[in-house]
């Protein structure tokens, strides 16, 4: 069951990347919409990772 979930996430990720490339080359409107959502999701993940790193660095520096 978890394998199917991971496979679904992988397919969605690859599909999003394909849409980003296709949108750069002037794809249809729906492709540009999917590309926008994919890029926004990537930015959210990147932002949360930066925030998580800052939080762990501030707490770990006090332990030294």
PDB file of N, CA and C in Angstrom:
ATOM      1  N   UNK A   1       0.826  -1.198   0.000  1.00  0.00           N
ATOM      2  CA  UNK A   1       0.000   0.000   0.000  1.00  0.00           C
ATOM      3  C   UNK A   1       0.867   1.257   0.000  1.00  0.00           C
ATOM      4  N   UNK A   2       1.891   1.272   0.846  1.00  0.00           N
ATOM      5  CA  UNK A   2       2.789   2.436   0.887  1.00  0.00           C
ATOM      6  C   UNK A   2       3.562   2.549  -0.426  1.00  0.00           C
ATOM      7  N   UNK A   3       3.887   1.392  -1.000  1.00  0.00           N
ATOM      8  CA  UNK A   3       4.583   1.393  -2.289  1.00  0.00           C
ATOM      9  C   UNK A   3       3.756   2.063  -3.369  1.00  0.00           C
ATOM     10  N   UNK A   4       2.451   1.818  -3.377  1.00  0.00           N
ATOM     11  CA  UNK A   4       1.576   2.466  -4.359  1.00  0.00           C
ATOM     12  C   UNK A   4       1.501   3.967  -4.126  1.00  0.00           C
ATOM     13  N   UNK A   5       1.483   4.360  -2.871  1.00  0.00           N
ATOM     14  CA  UNK A   5       1.459   5.790  -2.550  1.00  0.00           C
ATOM     15  C   UNK A   5       2.745   6.469  -3.038  1.00  0.00           C
ATOM     16  N   UNK A   6       3.876   5.847  -2.775  1.00  0.00           N
ATOM     17  CA  UNK A   6       5.146   6.415  -3.226  1.00  0.00           C
ATOM     18  C   UNK A   6       5.231   6.445  -4.750  1.00  0.00           C
ATOM     19  N   UNK A   7       4.710   5.411  -5.400  1.00  0.00           N
ATOM     20  CA  UNK A   7       4.689   5.384  -6.852  1.00  0.00           C
ATOM     21  C   UNK A   7       3.820   6.521  -7.398  1.00  0.00           C
ATOM     22  N   UNK A   8       2.683   6.771  -6.759  1.00  0.00           N
ATOM     23  CA  UNK A   8       1.818   7.871  -7.169  1.00  0.00           C
ATOM     24  C   UNK A   8       2.497   9.219  -7.022  1.00  0.00           C
ATOM     25  N   UNK A   9       3.199   9.417  -5.918  1.00  0.00           N
ATOM     26  CA  UNK A   9       3.937  10.675  -5.708  1.00  0.00           C
ATOM     27  C   UNK A   9       5.025  10.829  -6.767  1.00  0.00           C
ATOM     28  N   UNK A  10       5.704   9.736  -7.090  1.00  0.00           N
ATOM     29  CA  UNK A  10       6.751   9.781  -8.109  1.00  0.00           C
ATOM     30  C   UNK A  10       6.174  10.150  -9.473  1.00  0.00           C
ATOM     31  N   UNK A  11       5.055   9.555  -9.827  1.00  0.00           N
ATOM     32  CA  UNK A  11       4.419   9.857 -11.112  1.00  0.00           C
ATOM     33  C   UNK A  11       3.983  11.314 -11.166  1.00  0.00           C
ATOM     34  N   UNK A  12       3.397  11.826 -10.084  1.00  0.00           N
ATOM     35  CA  UNK A  12       2.989  13.231 -10.051  1.00  0.00           C
ATOM     36  C   UNK A  12       4.193  14.167 -10.164  1.00  0.00           C
ATOM     37  N   UNK A  13       5.286  13.805  -9.520  1.00  0.00           N
ATOM     38  CA  UNK A  13       6.494  14.632  -9.570  1.00  0.00           C
ATOM     39  C   UNK A  13       7.070  14.675 -10.984  1.00  0.00           C
ATOM     40  N   UNK A  14       7.178  13.517 -11.599  1.00  0.00           N
ATOM     41  CA  UNK A  14       7.714  13.463 -12.965  1.00  0.00           C
ATOM     42  C   UNK A  14       6.782  14.202 -13.920  1.00  0.00           C
ATOM     43  N   UNK A  15       5.483  14.015 -13.753  1.00  0.00           N
ATOM     44  CA  UNK A  15       4.524  14.730 -14.596  1.00  0.00           C
ATOM     45  C   UNK A  15       4.627  16.237 -14.427  1.00  0.00           C
ATOM     46  N   UNK A  16       4.825  16.689 -13.201  1.00  0.00           N
ATOM     47  CA  UNK A  16       4.991  18.124 -12.960  1.00  0.00           C
ATOM     48  C   UNK A  16       6.236  18.670 -13.626  1.00  0.00           C
ATOM     49  N   UNK A  17       7.319  17.907 -13.562  1.00  0.00           N
ATOM     50  CA  UNK A  17       8.566  18.349 -14.207  1.00  0.00           C
ATOM     51  C   UNK A  17       8.407  18.418 -15.727  1.00  0.00           C
ATOM     52  N   UNK A  18       7.712  17.443 -16.285  1.00  0.00           N
ATOM     53  CA  UNK A  18       7.455  17.456 -17.728  1.00  0.00           C
ATOM     54  C   UNK A  18       6.626  18.684 -18.104  1.00  0.00           C
ATOM     55  N   UNK A  19       5.648  19.002 -17.288  1.00  0.00           N
ATOM     56  CA  UNK A  19       4.814  20.178 -17.565  1.00  0.00           C
ATOM     57  C   UNK A  19       5.604  21.474 -17.469  1.00  0.00           C
ATOM     58  N   UNK A  20       6.551  21.548 -16.548  1.00  0.00           N
ATOM     59  CA  UNK A  20       7.380  22.754 -16.431  1.00  0.00           C
ATOM     60  C   UNK A  20       8.198  22.945 -17.707  1.00  0.00           C
ATOM     61  N   UNK A  21       8.794  21.868 -18.201  1.00  0.00           N
ATOM     62  CA  UNK A  21       9.597  21.962 -19.430  1.00  0.00           C
ATOM     63  C   UNK A  21       8.700  22.302 -20.617  1.00  0.00           C
ATOM     64  N   UNK A  22       7.556  21.650 -20.703  1.00  0.00           N
ATOM     65  CA  UNK A  22       6.628  21.891 -21.806  1.00  0.00           C
ATOM     66  C   UNK A  22       6.109  23.323 -21.775  1.00  0.00           C
ATOM     67  N   UNK A  23       5.822  23.842 -20.597  1.00  0.00           N
ATOM     68  CA  UNK A  23       5.328  25.217 -20.480  1.00  0.00           C
ATOM     69  C   UNK A  23       6.391  26.221 -20.911  1.00  0.00           C
ATOM     70  N   UNK A  24       7.659  25.917 -20.628  1.00  0.00           N
ATOM     71  CA  UNK A  24       8.746  26.803 -21.068  1.00  0.00           C
ATOM     72  C   UNK A  24       8.799  26.888 -22.587  1.00  0.00           C
ATOM     73  N   UNK A  25       8.375  25.824 -23.250  1.00  0.00           N
ATOM     74  CA  UNK A  25       8.398  25.803 -24.717  1.00  0.00           C
ATOM     75  C   UNK A  25       7.080  26.262 -25.319  1.00  0.00           C
ATOM     76  N   UNK A  26       6.165  26.753 -24.481  1.00  0.00           N
ATOM     77  CA  UNK A  26       4.924  27.326 -24.992  1.00  0.00           C
ATOM     78  C   UNK A  26       3.780  26.332 -25.099  1.00  0.00           C
ATOM     79  N   UNK A  27       3.612  25.516 -24.103  1.00  0.00           N
ATOM     80  CA  UNK A  27       2.530  24.531 -24.109  1.00  0.00           C
ATOM     81  C   UNK A  27       1.165  25.170 -23.921  1.00  0.00           C
ATOM     82  N   UNK A  28       0.134  24.340 -23.924  1.00  0.00           N
ATOM     83  CA  UNK A  28      -1.226  24.860 -23.724  1.00  0.00           C
ATOM     84  C   UNK A  28      -1.437  25.441 -22.332  1.00  0.00           C
ATOM     85  N   UNK A  29      -2.577  26.073 -22.140  1.00  0.00           N
ATOM     86  CA  UNK A  29      -2.854  26.784 -20.895  1.00  0.00           C
ATOM     87  C   UNK A  29      -2.846  25.846 -19.688  1.00  0.00           C
ATOM     88  N   UNK A  30      -3.430  24.651 -19.812  1.00  0.00           N
ATOM     89  CA  UNK A  30      -3.493  23.743 -18.671  1.00  0.00           C
ATOM     90  C   UNK A  30      -2.101  23.295 -18.245  1.00  0.00           C
ATOM     91  N   UNK A  31      -1.178  23.182 -19.206  1.00  0.00           N
ATOM     92  CA  UNK A  31       0.197  22.800 -18.873  1.00  0.00           C
ATOM     93  C   UNK A  31       0.866  23.913 -18.082  1.00  0.00           C
ATOM     94  N   UNK A  32       0.606  25.147 -18.469  1.00  0.00           N
ATOM     95  CA  UNK A  32       1.175  26.281 -17.732  1.00  0.00           C
ATOM     96  C   UNK A  32       0.616  26.347 -16.317  1.00  0.00           C
ATOM     97  N   UNK A  33      -0.653  25.977 -16.156  1.00  0.00           N
ATOM     98  CA  UNK A  33      -1.247  25.936 -14.817  1.00  0.00           C
ATOM     99  C   UNK A  33      -0.605  24.869 -13.945  1.00  0.00           C
ATOM    100  N   UNK A  34      -0.409  23.676 -14.511  1.00  0.00           N
ATOM    101  CA  UNK A  34       0.237  22.598 -13.755  1.00  0.00           C
ATOM    102  C   UNK A  34       1.672  22.978 -13.427  1.00  0.00           C
ATOM    103  N   UNK A  35       2.360  23.614 -14.361  1.00  0.00           N
ATOM    104  CA  UNK A  35       3.744  24.046 -14.121  1.00  0.00           C
ATOM    105  C   UNK A  35       3.799  25.073 -12.995  1.00  0.00           C
ATOM    106  N   UNK A  36       2.847  25.981 -12.963  1.00  0.00           N
ATOM    107  CA  UNK A  36       2.812  26.988 -11.898  1.00  0.00           C
ATOM    108  C   UNK A  36       2.611  26.334 -10.540  1.00  0.00           C
ATOM    109  N   UNK A  37       1.690  25.372 -10.476  1.00  0.00           N
ATOM    110  CA  UNK A  37       1.445  24.663  -9.215  1.00  0.00           C
ATOM    111  C   UNK A  37       2.686  23.876  -8.796  1.00  0.00           C
ATOM    112  N   UNK A  38       3.350  23.240  -9.756  1.00  0.00           N
ATOM    113  CA  UNK A  38       4.558  22.463  -9.452  1.00  0.00           C
ATOM    114  C   UNK A  38       5.672  23.356  -8.909  1.00  0.00           C
ATOM    115  N   UNK A  39       5.884  24.493  -9.564  1.00  0.00           N
ATOM    116  CA  UNK A  39       6.929  25.407  -9.104  1.00  0.00           C
ATOM    117  C   UNK A  39       6.600  25.996  -7.735  1.00  0.00           C
ATOM    118  N   UNK A  40       5.325  26.289  -7.502  1.00  0.00           N
ATOM    119  CA  UNK A  40       4.924  26.820  -6.191  1.00  0.00           C
ATOM    120  C   UNK A  40       5.142  25.774  -5.097  1.00  0.00           C
ATOM    121  N   UNK A  41       4.818  24.516  -5.393  1.00  0.00           N
ATOM    122  CA  UNK A  41       5.037  23.452  -4.410  1.00  0.00           C
ATOM    123  C   UNK A  41       6.530  23.290  -4.115  1.00  0.00           C
ATOM    124  N   UNK A  42       7.359  23.398  -5.136  1.00  0.00           N
ATOM    125  CA  UNK A  42       8.804  23.320  -4.929  1.00  0.00           C
ATOM    126  C   UNK A  42       9.325  24.446  -4.065  1.00  0.00           C
ATOM    127  N   UNK A  43       8.798  25.646  -4.278  1.00  0.00           N
ATOM    128  CA  UNK A  43       9.200  26.789  -3.454  1.00  0.00           C
ATOM    129  C   UNK A  43       8.775  26.599  -2.001  1.00  0.00           C
ATOM    130  N   UNK A  44       7.588  26.041  -1.792  1.00  0.00           N
ATOM    131  CA  UNK A  44       7.115  25.796  -0.427  1.00  0.00           C
ATOM    132  C   UNK A  44       8.010  24.781   0.280  1.00  0.00           C
ATOM    133  N   UNK A  45       8.400  23.729  -0.426  1.00  0.00           N
ATOM    134  CA  UNK A  45       9.282  22.720   0.169  1.00  0.00           C
ATOM    135  C   UNK A  45      10.633  23.328   0.483  1.00  0.00           C
ATOM    136  N   UNK A  46      11.162  24.118  -0.438  1.00  0.00           N
ATOM    137  CA  UNK A  46      12.464  24.761  -0.226  1.00  0.00           C
ATOM    138  C   UNK A  46      12.409  25.708   0.967  1.00  0.00           C
ATOM    139  N   UNK A  47      11.334  26.469   1.080  1.00  0.00           N
ATOM    140  CA  UNK A  47      11.187  27.416   2.193  1.00  0.00           C
ATOM    141  C   UNK A  47      11.092  26.675   3.529  1.00  0.00           C
ATOM    142  N   UNK A  48      10.344  25.584   3.555  1.00  0.00           N
ATOM    143  CA  UNK A  48      10.197  24.842   4.811  1.00  0.00           C
ATOM    144  C   UNK A  48      11.513  24.187   5.219  1.00  0.00           C
ATOM    145  N   UNK A  49      12.309  23.741   4.252  1.00  0.00           N
ATOM    146  CA  UNK A  49      13.614  23.156   4.581  1.00  0.00           C
ATOM    147  C   UNK A  49      14.558  24.210   5.132  1.00  0.00           C
ATOM    148  N   UNK A  50      14.551  25.400   4.563  1.00  0.00           N
ATOM    149  CA  UNK A  50      15.396  26.475   5.090  1.00  0.00           C
ATOM    150  C   UNK A  50      14.976  26.832   6.508  1.00  0.00           C
ATOM    151  N   UNK A  51      13.674  26.910   6.734  1.00  0.00           N
ATOM    152  CA  UNK A  51      13.160  27.233   8.059  1.00  0.00           C
ATOM    153  C   UNK A  51      13.530  26.140   9.059  1.00  0.00           C
ATOM    154  N   UNK A  52      13.446  24.895   8.637  1.00  0.00           N
ATOM    155  CA  UNK A  52      13.781  23.774   9.520  1.00  0.00           C
ATOM    156  C   UNK A  52      15.277  23.773   9.855  1.00  0.00           C
ATOM    157  N   UNK A  53      16.113  24.086   8.861  1.00  0.00           N
ATOM    158  CA  UNK A  53      17.561  24.148   9.122  1.00  0.00           C
ATOM    159  C   UNK A  53      17.896  25.263  10.100  1.00  0.00           C
ATOM    160  N   UNK A  54      17.251  26.413   9.926  1.00  0.00           N
ATOM    161  CA  UNK A  54      17.512  27.533  10.846  1.00  0.00           C
ATOM    162  C   UNK A  54      17.103  27.173  12.262  1.00  0.00           C
ATOM    163  N   UNK A  55      15.984  26.484  12.405  1.00  0.00           N
ATOM    164  CA  UNK A  55      15.506  26.099  13.731  1.00  0.00           C
ATOM    165  C   UNK A  55      16.455  25.109  14.383  1.00  0.00           C
ATOM    166  N   UNK A  56      16.932  24.142  13.622  1.00  0.00           N
ATOM    167  CA  UNK A  56      17.832  23.136  14.200  1.00  0.00           C
ATOM    168  C   UNK A  56      19.193  23.734  14.507  1.00  0.00           C
ATOM    169  N   UNK A  57      19.661  24.682  13.710  1.00  0.00           N
ATOM    170  CA  UNK A  57      20.956  25.315  13.972  1.00  0.00           C
ATOM    171  C   UNK A  57      20.891  26.168  15.249  1.00  0.00           C
ATOM    172  N   UNK A  58      19.797  26.857  15.464  1.00  0.00           N
ATOM    173  CA  UNK A  58      19.708  27.712  16.636  1.00  0.00           C
ATOM    174  C   UNK A  58      19.602  26.894  17.917  1.00  0.00           C
ATOM    175  N   UNK A  59      18.946  25.735  17.863  1.00  0.00           N
ATOM    176  CA  UNK A  59      18.837  24.910  19.057  1.00  0.00           C
ATOM    177  C   UNK A  59      20.099  24.102  19.293  1.00  0.00           C
ATOM    178  N   UNK A  60      20.774  23.668  18.232  1.00  0.00           N
ATOM    179  CA  UNK A  60      21.968  22.846  18.422  1.00  0.00           C
ATOM    180  C   UNK A  60      23.165  23.693  18.847  1.00  0.00           C
ATOM    181  N   UNK A  61      23.199  24.972  18.472  1.00  0.00           N
ATOM    182  CA  UNK A  61      24.339  25.807  18.860  1.00  0.00           C
ATOM    183  C   UNK A  61      24.356  26.081  20.358  1.00  0.00           C
ATOM    184  N   UNK A  62      23.199  26.007  21.009  1.00  0.00           N
ATOM    185  CA  UNK A  62      23.144  26.206  22.445  1.00  0.00           C
ATOM    186  C   UNK A  62      23.611  24.992  23.221  1.00  0.00           C
ATOM    187  N   UNK A  63      23.702  23.829  22.570  1.00  0.00           N
ATOM    188  CA  UNK A  63      24.114  22.611  23.243  1.00  0.00           C
ATOM    189  C   UNK A  63      25.626  22.464  23.360  1.00  0.00           C
ATOM    190  N   UNK A  64      26.381  23.272  22.606  1.00  0.00           N
ATOM    191  CA  UNK A  64      27.856  23.138  22.594  1.00  0.00           C
ATOM    192  C   UNK A  64      28.494  23.556  23.869  1.00  0.00           C
TER     193      UNK A  64
END
